[in-house]
């Protein structure tokens, strides 16, 4: 609230105007015209180097566990995918497959964390 009036994102005077701007931003993002530009990676995940792994070898006791989890659970399931193909749907499928196999929910959470940090 400012001067007794509600302010919307970036100070748009009305909710309708803020919604129009939000809709335009969403359309631009859907068309690939917005957001941060980054180079497209065409190599599969298993072929990408990970500087994080080498750093963790000297700073974390669990680096061997991370490598084992990656080799055993992540690489066979999603190692063939390029990074842009790994989205929430792919991660959900991975977890939905691993839980019935007997993997604990805590280990599944570790897999998601490893995948997000690319530590395998």
PDB file of N, CA and C in Angstrom:
ATOM      1  N   UNK A   1       0.842  -1.174   0.000  1.00  0.00           N
ATOM      2  CA  UNK A   1       0.000   0.000   0.000  1.00  0.00           C
ATOM      3  C   UNK A   1       0.892   1.242   0.000  1.00  0.00           C
ATOM      4  N   UNK A   2       0.582   2.127  -0.862  1.00  0.00           N
ATOM      5  CA  UNK A   2       1.317   3.378  -0.909  1.00  0.00           C
ATOM      6  C   UNK A   2       0.307   4.492  -1.142  1.00  0.00           C
ATOM      7  N   UNK A   3       0.319   5.455  -0.263  1.00  0.00           N
ATOM      8  CA  UNK A   3      -0.648   6.562  -0.334  1.00  0.00           C
ATOM      9  C   UNK A   3      -2.078   6.046  -0.358  1.00  0.00           C
ATOM     10  N   UNK A   4      -2.311   4.967   0.348  1.00  0.00           N
ATOM     11  CA  UNK A   4      -3.657   4.421   0.426  1.00  0.00           C
ATOM     12  C   UNK A   4      -4.083   3.608  -0.787  1.00  0.00           C
ATOM     13  N   UNK A   5      -3.189   3.417  -1.772  1.00  0.00           N
ATOM     14  CA  UNK A   5      -3.527   2.643  -2.967  1.00  0.00           C
ATOM     15  C   UNK A   5      -2.610   1.439  -3.069  1.00  0.00           C
ATOM     16  N   UNK A   6      -3.172   0.345  -3.528  1.00  0.00           N
ATOM     17  CA  UNK A   6      -2.396  -0.869  -3.702  1.00  0.00           C
ATOM     18  C   UNK A   6      -1.520  -0.729  -4.940  1.00  0.00           C
ATOM     19  N   UNK A   7      -0.244  -1.060  -4.792  1.00  0.00           N
ATOM     20  CA  UNK A   7       0.689  -1.019  -5.903  1.00  0.00           C
ATOM     21  C   UNK A   7       0.940  -2.444  -6.381  1.00  0.00           C
ATOM     22  N   UNK A   8       0.969  -2.651  -7.676  1.00  0.00           N
ATOM     23  CA  UNK A   8       1.217  -3.957  -8.248  1.00  0.00           C
ATOM     24  C   UNK A   8       2.644  -4.026  -8.762  1.00  0.00           C
ATOM     25  N   UNK A   9       3.034  -5.152  -9.268  1.00  0.00           N
ATOM     26  CA  UNK A   9       4.414  -5.409  -9.655  1.00  0.00           C
ATOM     27  C   UNK A   9       5.030  -4.225 -10.386  1.00  0.00           C
ATOM     28  N   UNK A  10       6.172  -3.796  -9.906  1.00  0.00           N
ATOM     29  CA  UNK A  10       6.920  -2.680 -10.468  1.00  0.00           C
ATOM     30  C   UNK A  10       6.099  -1.401 -10.514  1.00  0.00           C
ATOM     31  N   UNK A  11       5.109  -1.292  -9.647  1.00  0.00           N
ATOM     32  CA  UNK A  11       4.372  -0.058  -9.533  1.00  0.00           C
ATOM     33  C   UNK A  11       3.339   0.180 -10.614  1.00  0.00           C
ATOM     34  N   UNK A  12       2.834  -0.862 -11.270  1.00  0.00           N
ATOM     35  CA  UNK A  12       1.780  -0.656 -12.243  1.00  0.00           C
ATOM     36  C   UNK A  12       0.543  -0.138 -11.512  1.00  0.00           C
ATOM     37  N   UNK A  13      -0.091   0.868 -12.061  1.00  0.00           N
ATOM     38  CA  UNK A  13      -1.172   1.523 -11.322  1.00  0.00           C
ATOM     39  C   UNK A  13      -2.428   0.670 -11.136  1.00  0.00           C
ATOM     40  N   UNK A  14      -2.682  -0.255 -12.040  1.00  0.00           N
ATOM     41  CA  UNK A  14      -3.889  -1.075 -11.897  1.00  0.00           C
ATOM     42  C   UNK A  14      -3.530  -2.543 -12.018  1.00  0.00           C
ATOM     43  N   UNK A  15      -4.404  -3.362 -11.477  1.00  0.00           N
ATOM     44  CA  UNK A  15      -4.192  -4.798 -11.567  1.00  0.00           C
ATOM     45  C   UNK A  15      -4.301  -5.275 -13.013  1.00  0.00           C
ATOM     46  N   UNK A  16      -5.209  -4.665 -13.788  1.00  0.00           N
ATOM     47  CA  UNK A  16      -5.366  -5.055 -15.191  1.00  0.00           C
ATOM     48  C   UNK A  16      -4.092  -4.805 -15.989  1.00  0.00           C
ATOM     49  N   UNK A  17      -3.469  -3.650 -15.771  1.00  0.00           N
ATOM     50  CA  UNK A  17      -2.244  -3.343 -16.492  1.00  0.00           C
ATOM     51  C   UNK A  17      -1.130  -4.316 -16.083  1.00  0.00           C
ATOM     52  N   UNK A  18      -1.040  -4.633 -14.801  1.00  0.00           N
ATOM     53  CA  UNK A  18      -0.027  -5.577 -14.331  1.00  0.00           C
ATOM     54  C   UNK A  18      -0.264  -6.957 -14.937  1.00  0.00           C
ATOM     55  N   UNK A  19      -1.515  -7.375 -15.043  1.00  0.00           N
ATOM     56  CA  UNK A  19      -1.834  -8.677 -15.648  1.00  0.00           C
ATOM     57  C   UNK A  19      -1.488  -8.701 -17.134  1.00  0.00           C
ATOM     58  N   UNK A  20      -1.712  -7.599 -17.847  1.00  0.00           N
ATOM     59  CA  UNK A  20      -1.360  -7.529 -19.273  1.00  0.00           C
ATOM     60  C   UNK A  20       0.153  -7.664 -19.461  1.00  0.00           C
ATOM     61  N   UNK A  21       0.912  -6.976 -18.614  1.00  0.00           N
ATOM     62  CA  UNK A  21       2.377  -7.054 -18.699  1.00  0.00           C
ATOM     63  C   UNK A  21       2.836  -8.473 -18.381  1.00  0.00           C
ATOM     64  N   UNK A  22       2.244  -9.081 -17.338  1.00  0.00           N
ATOM     65  CA  UNK A  22       2.598 -10.451 -16.974  1.00  0.00           C
ATOM     66  C   UNK A  22       2.293 -11.417 -18.104  1.00  0.00           C
ATOM     67  N   UNK A  23       1.151 -11.236 -18.766  1.00  0.00           N
ATOM     68  CA  UNK A  23       0.779 -12.105 -19.886  1.00  0.00           C
ATOM     69  C   UNK A  23       1.758 -11.955 -21.043  1.00  0.00           C
ATOM     70  N   UNK A  24       2.181 -10.723 -21.320  1.00  0.00           N
ATOM     71  CA  UNK A  24       3.158 -10.503 -22.398  1.00  0.00           C
ATOM     72  C   UNK A  24       4.505 -11.143 -22.064  1.00  0.00           C
ATOM     73  N   UNK A  25       4.911 -11.048 -20.804  1.00  0.00           N
ATOM     74  CA  UNK A  25       6.174 -11.677 -20.390  1.00  0.00           C
ATOM     75  C   UNK A  25       6.072 -13.194 -20.550  1.00  0.00           C
ATOM     76  N   UNK A  26       4.930 -13.770 -20.161  1.00  0.00           N
ATOM     77  CA  UNK A  26       4.737 -15.219 -20.293  1.00  0.00           C
ATOM     78  C   UNK A  26       4.770 -15.639 -21.757  1.00  0.00           C
ATOM     79  N   UNK A  27       4.162 -14.854 -22.641  1.00  0.00           N
ATOM     80  CA  UNK A  27       4.193 -15.172 -24.077  1.00  0.00           C
ATOM     81  C   UNK A  27       5.613 -15.099 -24.628  1.00  0.00           C
ATOM     82  N   UNK A  28       6.364 -14.084 -24.219  1.00  0.00           N
ATOM     83  CA  UNK A  28       7.752 -13.968 -24.668  1.00  0.00           C
ATOM     84  C   UNK A  28       8.585 -15.157 -24.207  1.00  0.00           C
ATOM     85  N   UNK A  29       8.404 -15.577 -22.959  1.00  0.00           N
ATOM     86  CA  UNK A  29       9.150 -16.721 -22.453  1.00  0.00           C
ATOM     87  C   UNK A  29       8.772 -17.995 -23.190  1.00  0.00           C
ATOM     88  N   UNK A  30       7.489 -18.174 -23.463  1.00  0.00           N
ATOM     89  CA  UNK A  30       7.040 -19.369 -24.186  1.00  0.00           C
ATOM     90  C   UNK A  30       7.598 -19.403 -25.603  1.00  0.00           C
ATOM     91  N   UNK A  31       7.782 -18.231 -26.201  1.00  0.00           N
ATOM     92  CA  UNK A  31       8.310 -18.151 -27.564  1.00  0.00           C
ATOM     93  C   UNK A  31       9.835 -18.163 -27.592  1.00  0.00           C
ATOM     94  N   UNK A  32      10.469 -18.219 -26.411  1.00  0.00           N
ATOM     95  CA  UNK A  32      11.926 -18.259 -26.360  1.00  0.00           C
ATOM     96  C   UNK A  32      12.584 -16.910 -26.509  1.00  0.00           C
ATOM     97  N   UNK A  33      11.833 -15.837 -26.275  1.00  0.00           N
ATOM     98  CA  UNK A  33      12.392 -14.498 -26.444  1.00  0.00           C
ATOM     99  C   UNK A  33      12.736 -13.822 -25.129  1.00  0.00           C
ATOM    100  N   UNK A  34      12.654 -14.515 -24.029  1.00  0.00           N
ATOM    101  CA  UNK A  34      12.909 -13.864 -22.754  1.00  0.00           C
ATOM    102  C   UNK A  34      13.869 -14.673 -21.912  1.00  0.00           C
ATOM    103  N   UNK A  35      14.124 -14.194 -20.733  1.00  0.00           N
ATOM    104  CA  UNK A  35      15.001 -14.911 -19.819  1.00  0.00           C
ATOM    105  C   UNK A  35      16.457 -14.728 -20.169  1.00  0.00           C
ATOM    106  N   UNK A  36      17.306 -15.382 -19.421  1.00  0.00           N
ATOM    107  CA  UNK A  36      18.736 -15.301 -19.647  1.00  0.00           C
ATOM    108  C   UNK A  36      19.135 -16.224 -20.790  1.00  0.00           C
ATOM    109  N   UNK A  37      19.977 -15.733 -21.639  1.00  0.00           N
ATOM    110  CA  UNK A  37      20.469 -16.547 -22.745  1.00  0.00           C
ATOM    111  C   UNK A  37      21.612 -17.412 -22.258  1.00  0.00           C
ATOM    112  N   UNK A  38      21.600 -18.668 -22.617  1.00  0.00           N
ATOM    113  CA  UNK A  38      22.692 -19.559 -22.262  1.00  0.00           C
ATOM    114  C   UNK A  38      22.955 -20.483 -23.441  1.00  0.00           C
ATOM    115  N   UNK A  39      24.182 -20.915 -23.578  1.00  0.00           N
ATOM    116  CA  UNK A  39      24.485 -21.795 -24.700  1.00  0.00           C
ATOM    117  C   UNK A  39      23.780 -23.137 -24.539  1.00  0.00           C
ATOM    118  N   UNK A  40      23.343 -23.683 -25.645  1.00  0.00           N
ATOM    119  CA  UNK A  40      22.686 -24.994 -25.634  1.00  0.00           C
ATOM    120  C   UNK A  40      23.749 -26.079 -25.558  1.00  0.00           C
ATOM    121  N   UNK A  41      23.568 -26.990 -24.623  1.00  0.00           N
ATOM    122  CA  UNK A  41      24.492 -28.115 -24.480  1.00  0.00           C
ATOM    123  C   UNK A  41      23.905 -29.284 -25.251  1.00  0.00           C
ATOM    124  N   UNK A  42      24.706 -29.882 -26.116  1.00  0.00           N
ATOM    125  CA  UNK A  42      24.206 -30.973 -26.944  1.00  0.00           C
ATOM    126  C   UNK A  42      24.748 -32.325 -26.514  1.00  0.00           C
ATOM    127  N   UNK A  43      25.701 -32.328 -25.585  1.00  0.00           N
ATOM    128  CA  UNK A  43      26.232 -33.602 -25.104  1.00  0.00           C
ATOM    129  C   UNK A  43      25.308 -34.168 -24.033  1.00  0.00           C
ATOM    130  N   UNK A  44      25.211 -35.491 -23.959  1.00  0.00           N
ATOM    131  CA  UNK A  44      24.440 -36.097 -22.861  1.00  0.00           C
ATOM    132  C   UNK A  44      25.091 -35.800 -21.520  1.00  0.00           C
ATOM    133  N   UNK A  45      24.297 -35.892 -20.476  1.00  0.00           N
ATOM    134  CA  UNK A  45      24.789 -35.590 -19.131  1.00  0.00           C
ATOM    135  C   UNK A  45      26.008 -36.419 -18.747  1.00  0.00           C
ATOM    136  N   UNK A  46      26.034 -37.692 -19.123  1.00  0.00           N
ATOM    137  CA  UNK A  46      27.140 -38.550 -18.683  1.00  0.00           C
ATOM    138  C   UNK A  46      28.464 -38.155 -19.317  1.00  0.00           C
ATOM    139  N   UNK A  47      28.418 -37.382 -20.409  1.00  0.00           N
ATOM    140  CA  UNK A  47      29.658 -36.973 -21.074  1.00  0.00           C
ATOM    141  C   UNK A  47      30.145 -35.592 -20.644  1.00  0.00           C
ATOM    142  N   UNK A  48      29.367 -34.895 -19.844  1.00  0.00           N
ATOM    143  CA  UNK A  48      29.756 -33.550 -19.435  1.00  0.00           C
ATOM    144  C   UNK A  48      30.749 -33.600 -18.283  1.00  0.00           C
ATOM    145  N   UNK A  49      31.770 -32.776 -18.336  1.00  0.00           N
ATOM    146  CA  UNK A  49      32.704 -32.737 -17.210  1.00  0.00           C
ATOM    147  C   UNK A  49      32.061 -32.017 -16.030  1.00  0.00           C
ATOM    148  N   UNK A  50      32.445 -32.380 -14.854  1.00  0.00           N
ATOM    149  CA  UNK A  50      31.914 -31.721 -13.677  1.00  0.00           C
ATOM    150  C   UNK A  50      33.059 -31.279 -12.784  1.00  0.00           C
ATOM    151  N   UNK A  51      33.340 -29.994 -12.813  1.00  0.00           N
ATOM    152  CA  UNK A  51      34.394 -29.445 -11.959  1.00  0.00           C
ATOM    153  C   UNK A  51      34.003 -29.576 -10.497  1.00  0.00           C
ATOM    154  N   UNK A  52      32.709 -29.616 -10.235  1.00  0.00           N
ATOM    155  CA  UNK A  52      32.226 -29.766  -8.865  1.00  0.00           C
ATOM    156  C   UNK A  52      32.723 -31.071  -8.254  1.00  0.00           C
ATOM    157  N   UNK A  53      32.789 -32.132  -9.056  1.00  0.00           N
ATOM    158  CA  UNK A  53      33.251 -33.421  -8.536  1.00  0.00           C
ATOM    159  C   UNK A  53      34.680 -33.345  -8.032  1.00  0.00           C
ATOM    160  N   UNK A  54      35.551 -32.756  -8.813  1.00  0.00           N
ATOM    161  CA  UNK A  54      36.950 -32.681  -8.411  1.00  0.00           C
ATOM    162  C   UNK A  54      37.105 -31.832  -7.147  1.00  0.00           C
ATOM    163  N   UNK A  55      36.356 -30.749  -7.042  1.00  0.00           N
ATOM    164  CA  UNK A  55      36.444 -29.904  -5.858  1.00  0.00           C
ATOM    165  C   UNK A  55      35.939 -30.651  -4.629  1.00  0.00           C
ATOM    166  N   UNK A  56      34.849 -31.396  -4.786  1.00  0.00           N
ATOM    167  CA  UNK A  56      34.257 -32.107  -3.655  1.00  0.00           C
ATOM    168  C   UNK A  56      35.173 -33.222  -3.135  1.00  0.00           C
ATOM    169  N   UNK A  57      36.025 -33.770  -3.983  1.00  0.00           N
ATOM    170  CA  UNK A  57      36.915 -34.851  -3.544  1.00  0.00           C
ATOM    171  C   UNK A  57      37.822 -34.414  -2.405  1.00  0.00           C
ATOM    172  N   UNK A  58      38.163 -33.148  -2.362  1.00  0.00           N
ATOM    173  CA  UNK A  58      39.048 -32.674  -1.302  1.00  0.00           C
ATOM    174  C   UNK A  58      38.302 -32.007  -0.153  1.00  0.00           C
ATOM    175  N   UNK A  59      37.017 -31.741  -0.326  1.00  0.00           N
ATOM    176  CA  UNK A  59      36.303 -30.990   0.710  1.00  0.00           C
ATOM    177  C   UNK A  59      35.151 -31.743   1.363  1.00  0.00           C
ATOM    178  N   UNK A  60      34.714 -32.858   0.796  1.00  0.00           N
ATOM    179  CA  UNK A  60      33.552 -33.571   1.333  1.00  0.00           C
ATOM    180  C   UNK A  60      33.866 -35.059   1.518  1.00  0.00           C
ATOM    181  N   UNK A  61      33.487 -35.566   2.670  1.00  0.00           N
ATOM    182  CA  UNK A  61      33.703 -36.997   2.921  1.00  0.00           C
ATOM    183  C   UNK A  61      32.782 -37.864   2.072  1.00  0.00           C
ATOM    184  N   UNK A  62      31.632 -37.322   1.663  1.00  0.00           N
ATOM    185  CA  UNK A  62      30.642 -38.143   0.968  1.00  0.00           C
ATOM    186  C   UNK A  62      30.788 -38.123  -0.550  1.00  0.00           C
ATOM    187  N   UNK A  63      31.929 -37.646  -1.061  1.00  0.00           N
ATOM    188  CA  UNK A  63      32.055 -37.568  -2.517  1.00  0.00           C
ATOM    189  C   UNK A  63      31.998 -38.943  -3.181  1.00  0.00           C
ATOM    190  N   UNK A  64      32.491 -39.966  -2.505  1.00  0.00           N
ATOM    191  CA  UNK A  64      32.424 -41.315  -3.083  1.00  0.00           C
ATOM    192  C   UNK A  64      30.982 -41.807  -3.123  1.00  0.00           C
ATOM    193  N   UNK A  65      30.204 -41.478  -2.083  1.00  0.00           N
ATOM    194  CA  UNK A  65      28.783 -41.843  -2.077  1.00  0.00           C
ATOM    195  C   UNK A  65      28.033 -41.133  -3.198  1.00  0.00           C
ATOM    196  N   UNK A  66      28.376 -39.856  -3.427  1.00  0.00           N
ATOM    197  CA  UNK A  66      27.734 -39.105  -4.509  1.00  0.00           C
ATOM    198  C   UNK A  66      28.006 -39.762  -5.859  1.00  0.00           C
ATOM    199  N   UNK A  67      29.274 -40.138  -6.069  1.00  0.00           N
ATOM    200  CA  UNK A  67      29.614 -40.794  -7.346  1.00  0.00           C
ATOM    201  C   UNK A  67      28.884 -42.135  -7.496  1.00  0.00           C
ATOM    202  N   UNK A  68      28.795 -42.886  -6.405  1.00  0.00           N
ATOM    203  CA  UNK A  68      28.123 -44.179  -6.464  1.00  0.00           C
ATOM    204  C   UNK A  68      26.635 -44.009  -6.753  1.00  0.00           C
ATOM    205  N   UNK A  69      26.000 -43.069  -6.073  1.00  0.00           N
ATOM    206  CA  UNK A  69      24.576 -42.825  -6.324  1.00  0.00           C
ATOM    207  C   UNK A  69      24.341 -42.388  -7.771  1.00  0.00           C
ATOM    208  N   UNK A  70      25.233 -41.533  -8.258  1.00  0.00           N
ATOM    209  CA  UNK A  70      25.094 -41.080  -9.639  1.00  0.00           C
ATOM    210  C   UNK A  70      25.255 -42.215 -10.622  1.00  0.00           C
ATOM    211  N   UNK A  71      26.276 -43.043 -10.406  1.00  0.00           N
ATOM    212  CA  UNK A  71      26.535 -44.150 -11.328  1.00  0.00           C
ATOM    213  C   UNK A  71      25.439 -45.208 -11.253  1.00  0.00           C
ATOM    214  N   UNK A  72      24.918 -45.435 -10.059  1.00  0.00           N
ATOM    215  CA  UNK A  72      23.944 -46.511  -9.892  1.00  0.00           C
ATOM    216  C   UNK A  72      22.515 -46.101 -10.241  1.00  0.00           C
ATOM    217  N   UNK A  73      22.130 -44.885  -9.888  1.00  0.00           N
ATOM    218  CA  UNK A  73      20.735 -44.497 -10.032  1.00  0.00           C
ATOM    219  C   UNK A  73      20.481 -43.461 -11.119  1.00  0.00           C
ATOM    220  N   UNK A  74      21.367 -42.477 -11.246  1.00  0.00           N
ATOM    221  CA  UNK A  74      21.101 -41.399 -12.192  1.00  0.00           C
ATOM    222  C   UNK A  74      21.555 -41.721 -13.611  1.00  0.00           C
ATOM    223  N   UNK A  75      22.767 -42.211 -13.743  1.00  0.00           N
ATOM    224  CA  UNK A  75      23.311 -42.423 -15.085  1.00  0.00           C
ATOM    225  C   UNK A  75      22.489 -43.389 -15.936  1.00  0.00           C
ATOM    226  N   UNK A  76      22.044 -44.530 -15.414  1.00  0.00           N
ATOM    227  CA  UNK A  76      21.264 -45.432 -16.267  1.00  0.00           C
ATOM    228  C   UNK A  76      19.909 -44.858 -16.671  1.00  0.00           C
ATOM    229  N   UNK A  77      19.350 -43.988 -15.845  1.00  0.00           N
ATOM    230  CA  UNK A  77      18.009 -43.483 -16.108  1.00  0.00           C
ATOM    231  C   UNK A  77      18.001 -42.215 -16.956  1.00  0.00           C
ATOM    232  N   UNK A  78      18.872 -41.269 -16.635  1.00  0.00           N
ATOM    233  CA  UNK A  78      18.819 -39.988 -17.344  1.00  0.00           C
ATOM    234  C   UNK A  78      20.172 -39.554 -17.897  1.00  0.00           C
ATOM    235  N   UNK A  79      21.178 -40.390 -17.818  1.00  0.00           N
ATOM    236  CA  UNK A  79      22.505 -40.034 -18.313  1.00  0.00           C
ATOM    237  C   UNK A  79      22.553 -39.807 -19.810  1.00  0.00           C
ATOM    238  N   UNK A  80      21.608 -40.369 -20.544  1.00  0.00           N
ATOM    239  CA  UNK A  80      21.587 -40.221 -21.995  1.00  0.00           C
ATOM    240  C   UNK A  80      20.924 -38.923 -22.450  1.00  0.00           C
ATOM    241  N   UNK A  81      20.265 -38.214 -21.526  1.00  0.00           N
ATOM    242  CA  UNK A  81      19.552 -36.987 -21.869  1.00  0.00           C
ATOM    243  C   UNK A  81      20.489 -35.787 -21.902  1.00  0.00           C
ATOM    244  N   UNK A  82      20.195 -34.839 -22.776  1.00  0.00           N
ATOM    245  CA  UNK A  82      20.923 -33.572 -22.759  1.00  0.00           C
ATOM    246  C   UNK A  82      20.362 -32.737 -21.611  1.00  0.00           C
ATOM    247  N   UNK A  83      21.133 -31.814 -21.068  1.00  0.00           N
ATOM    248  CA  UNK A  83      20.682 -31.070 -19.891  1.00  0.00           C
ATOM    249  C   UNK A  83      19.333 -30.381 -20.052  1.00  0.00           C
ATOM    250  N   UNK A  84      19.044 -29.832 -21.233  1.00  0.00           N
ATOM    251  CA  UNK A  84      17.767 -29.146 -21.416  1.00  0.00           C
ATOM    252  C   UNK A  84      16.581 -30.107 -21.408  1.00  0.00           C
ATOM    253  N   UNK A  85      16.829 -31.391 -21.603  1.00  0.00           N
ATOM    254  CA  UNK A  85      15.744 -32.369 -21.595  1.00  0.00           C
ATOM    255  C   UNK A  85      15.392 -32.826 -20.182  1.00  0.00           C
ATOM    256  N   UNK A  86      16.247 -32.521 -19.223  1.00  0.00           N
ATOM    257  CA  UNK A  86      15.974 -32.907 -17.835  1.00  0.00           C
ATOM    258  C   UNK A  86      15.140 -31.802 -17.198  1.00  0.00           C
ATOM    259  N   UNK A  87      13.845 -32.045 -17.140  1.00  0.00           N
ATOM    260  CA  UNK A  87      12.940 -31.084 -16.538  1.00  0.00           C
ATOM    261  C   UNK A  87      12.247 -31.738 -15.349  1.00  0.00           C
ATOM    262  N   UNK A  88      11.281 -31.063 -14.792  1.00  0.00           N
ATOM    263  CA  UNK A  88      10.607 -31.606 -13.610  1.00  0.00           C
ATOM    264  C   UNK A  88       9.907 -32.918 -13.925  1.00  0.00           C
ATOM    265  N   UNK A  89       9.418 -33.070 -15.148  1.00  0.00           N
ATOM    266  CA  UNK A  89       8.764 -34.322 -15.533  1.00  0.00           C
ATOM    267  C   UNK A  89       9.727 -35.497 -15.530  1.00  0.00           C
ATOM    268  N   UNK A  90      10.929 -35.284 -16.048  1.00  0.00           N
ATOM    269  CA  UNK A  90      11.935 -36.351 -16.068  1.00  0.00           C
ATOM    270  C   UNK A  90      12.360 -36.723 -14.649  1.00  0.00           C
ATOM    271  N   UNK A  91      12.496 -35.718 -13.796  1.00  0.00           N
ATOM    272  CA  UNK A  91      12.875 -35.989 -12.411  1.00  0.00           C
ATOM    273  C   UNK A  91      11.757 -36.729 -11.689  1.00  0.00           C
ATOM    274  N   UNK A  92      10.517 -36.320 -11.943  1.00  0.00           N
ATOM    275  CA  UNK A  92       9.372 -37.002 -11.321  1.00  0.00           C
ATOM    276  C   UNK A  92       9.321 -38.464 -11.744  1.00  0.00           C
ATOM    277  N   UNK A  93       9.520 -38.730 -13.042  1.00  0.00           N
ATOM    278  CA  UNK A  93       9.517 -40.121 -13.521  1.00  0.00           C
ATOM    279  C   UNK A  93      10.614 -40.933 -12.837  1.00  0.00           C
ATOM    280  N   UNK A  94      11.786 -40.325 -12.688  1.00  0.00           N
ATOM    281  CA  UNK A  94      12.894 -40.997 -12.023  1.00  0.00           C
ATOM    282  C   UNK A  94      12.512 -41.378 -10.602  1.00  0.00           C
ATOM    283  N   UNK A  95      11.978 -40.437  -9.847  1.00  0.00           N
ATOM    284  CA  UNK A  95      11.627 -40.684  -8.451  1.00  0.00           C
ATOM    285  C   UNK A  95      10.482 -41.682  -8.353  1.00  0.00           C
ATOM    286  N   UNK A  96       9.489 -41.559  -9.237  1.00  0.00           N
ATOM    287  CA  UNK A  96       8.368 -42.506  -9.210  1.00  0.00           C
ATOM    288  C   UNK A  96       8.815 -43.921  -9.568  1.00  0.00           C
ATOM    289  N   UNK A  97       9.907 -44.050 -10.292  1.00  0.00           N
ATOM    290  CA  UNK A  97      10.438 -45.369 -10.606  1.00  0.00           C
ATOM    291  C   UNK A  97      11.285 -45.913  -9.454  1.00  0.00           C
ATOM    292  N   UNK A  98      12.038 -45.044  -8.803  1.00  0.00           N
ATOM    293  CA  UNK A  98      12.956 -45.481  -7.760  1.00  0.00           C
ATOM    294  C   UNK A  98      12.258 -45.819  -6.439  1.00  0.00           C
ATOM    295  N   UNK A  99      11.203 -45.114  -6.091  1.00  0.00           N
ATOM    296  CA  UNK A  99      10.517 -45.394  -4.822  1.00  0.00           C
ATOM    297  C   UNK A  99       9.956 -46.817  -4.765  1.00  0.00           C
ATOM    298  N   UNK A 100       9.247 -47.296  -5.805  1.00  0.00           N
ATOM    299  CA  UNK A 100       8.767 -48.683  -5.739  1.00  0.00           C
ATOM    300  C   UNK A 100       9.884 -49.726  -5.761  1.00  0.00           C
ATOM    301  N   UNK A 101      11.055 -49.347  -6.251  1.00  0.00           N
ATOM    302  CA  UNK A 101      12.194 -50.270  -6.249  1.00  0.00           C
ATOM    303  C   UNK A 101      12.777 -50.440  -4.855  1.00  0.00           C
ATOM    304  N   UNK A 102      12.298 -49.659  -3.905  1.00  0.00           N
ATOM    305  CA  UNK A 102      12.760 -49.789  -2.534  1.00  0.00           C
ATOM    306  C   UNK A 102      13.708 -48.702  -2.085  1.00  0.00           C
ATOM    307  N   UNK A 103      13.964 -47.721  -2.928  1.00  0.00           N
ATOM    308  CA  UNK A 103      14.836 -46.626  -2.543  1.00  0.00           C
ATOM    309  C   UNK A 103      14.093 -45.737  -1.548  1.00  0.00           C
ATOM    310  N   UNK A 104      14.761 -45.331  -0.494  1.00  0.00           N
ATOM    311  CA  UNK A 104      14.094 -44.510   0.523  1.00  0.00           C
ATOM    312  C   UNK A 104      13.847 -43.100  -0.015  1.00  0.00           C
ATOM    313  N   UNK A 105      12.894 -42.419   0.587  1.00  0.00           N
ATOM    314  CA  UNK A 105      12.582 -41.055   0.157  1.00  0.00           C
ATOM    315  C   UNK A 105      13.762 -40.124   0.426  1.00  0.00           C
ATOM    316  N   UNK A 106      14.538 -40.389   1.471  1.00  0.00           N
ATOM    317  CA  UNK A 106      15.712 -39.568   1.758  1.00  0.00           C
ATOM    318  C   UNK A 106      16.763 -39.715   0.654  1.00  0.00           C
ATOM    319  N   UNK A 107      16.949 -40.940   0.174  1.00  0.00           N
ATOM    320  CA  UNK A 107      17.911 -41.156  -0.913  1.00  0.00           C
ATOM    321  C   UNK A 107      17.405 -40.510  -2.195  1.00  0.00           C
ATOM    322  N   UNK A 108      16.099 -40.575  -2.427  1.00  0.00           N
ATOM    323  CA  UNK A 108      15.529 -39.910  -3.603  1.00  0.00           C
ATOM    324  C   UNK A 108      15.768 -38.410  -3.539  1.00  0.00           C
ATOM    325  N   UNK A 109      15.649 -37.838  -2.358  1.00  0.00           N
ATOM    326  CA  UNK A 109      15.934 -36.418  -2.190  1.00  0.00           C
ATOM    327  C   UNK A 109      17.403 -36.130  -2.486  1.00  0.00           C
ATOM    328  N   UNK A 110      18.290 -37.008  -2.048  1.00  0.00           N
ATOM    329  CA  UNK A 110      19.713 -36.839  -2.359  1.00  0.00           C
ATOM    330  C   UNK A 110      19.959 -36.899  -3.866  1.00  0.00           C
ATOM    331  N   UNK A 111      19.244 -37.782  -4.558  1.00  0.00           N
ATOM    332  CA  UNK A 111      19.393 -37.864  -6.005  1.00  0.00           C
ATOM    333  C   UNK A 111      18.984 -36.564  -6.673  1.00  0.00           C
ATOM    334  N   UNK A 112      17.891 -35.978  -6.217  1.00  0.00           N
ATOM    335  CA  UNK A 112      17.438 -34.705  -6.786  1.00  0.00           C
ATOM    336  C   UNK A 112      18.490 -33.625  -6.527  1.00  0.00           C
ATOM    337  N   UNK A 113      19.059 -33.622  -5.340  1.00  0.00           N
ATOM    338  CA  UNK A 113      20.088 -32.627  -5.020  1.00  0.00           C
ATOM    339  C   UNK A 113      21.347 -32.841  -5.854  1.00  0.00           C
ATOM    340  N   UNK A 114      21.739 -34.091  -6.030  1.00  0.00           N
ATOM    341  CA  UNK A 114      22.897 -34.371  -6.878  1.00  0.00           C
ATOM    342  C   UNK A 114      22.652 -33.923  -8.298  1.00  0.00           C
ATOM    343  N   UNK A 115      21.459 -34.185  -8.769  1.00  0.00           N
ATOM    344  CA  UNK A 115      21.127 -33.819 -10.142  1.00  0.00           C
ATOM    345  C   UNK A 115      21.099 -32.311 -10.313  1.00  0.00           C
ATOM    346  N   UNK A 116      20.551 -31.589  -9.358  1.00  0.00           N
ATOM    347  CA  UNK A 116      20.467 -30.148  -9.493  1.00  0.00           C
ATOM    348  C   UNK A 116      21.856 -29.499  -9.418  1.00  0.00           C
ATOM    349  N   UNK A 117      22.754 -30.097  -8.666  1.00  0.00           N
ATOM    350  CA  UNK A 117      24.111 -29.548  -8.561  1.00  0.00           C
ATOM    351  C   UNK A 117      25.053 -30.186  -9.583  1.00  0.00           C
ATOM    352  N   UNK A 118      24.593 -31.193 -10.311  1.00  0.00           N
ATOM    353  CA  UNK A 118      25.409 -31.940 -11.294  1.00  0.00           C
ATOM    354  C   UNK A 118      26.677 -32.441 -10.636  1.00  0.00           C
ATOM    355  N   UNK A 119      26.479 -33.172  -9.511  1.00  0.00           N
ATOM    356  CA  UNK A 119      27.626 -33.686  -8.751  1.00  0.00           C
ATOM    357  C   UNK A 119      27.857 -35.168  -8.979  1.00  0.00           C
ATOM    358  N   UNK A 120      27.582 -35.690 -10.104  1.00  0.00           N
ATOM    359  CA  UNK A 120      27.813 -37.114 -10.323  1.00  0.00           C
ATOM    360  C   UNK A 120      28.483 -37.266 -11.635  1.00  0.00           C
TER     361      UNK A 120
END
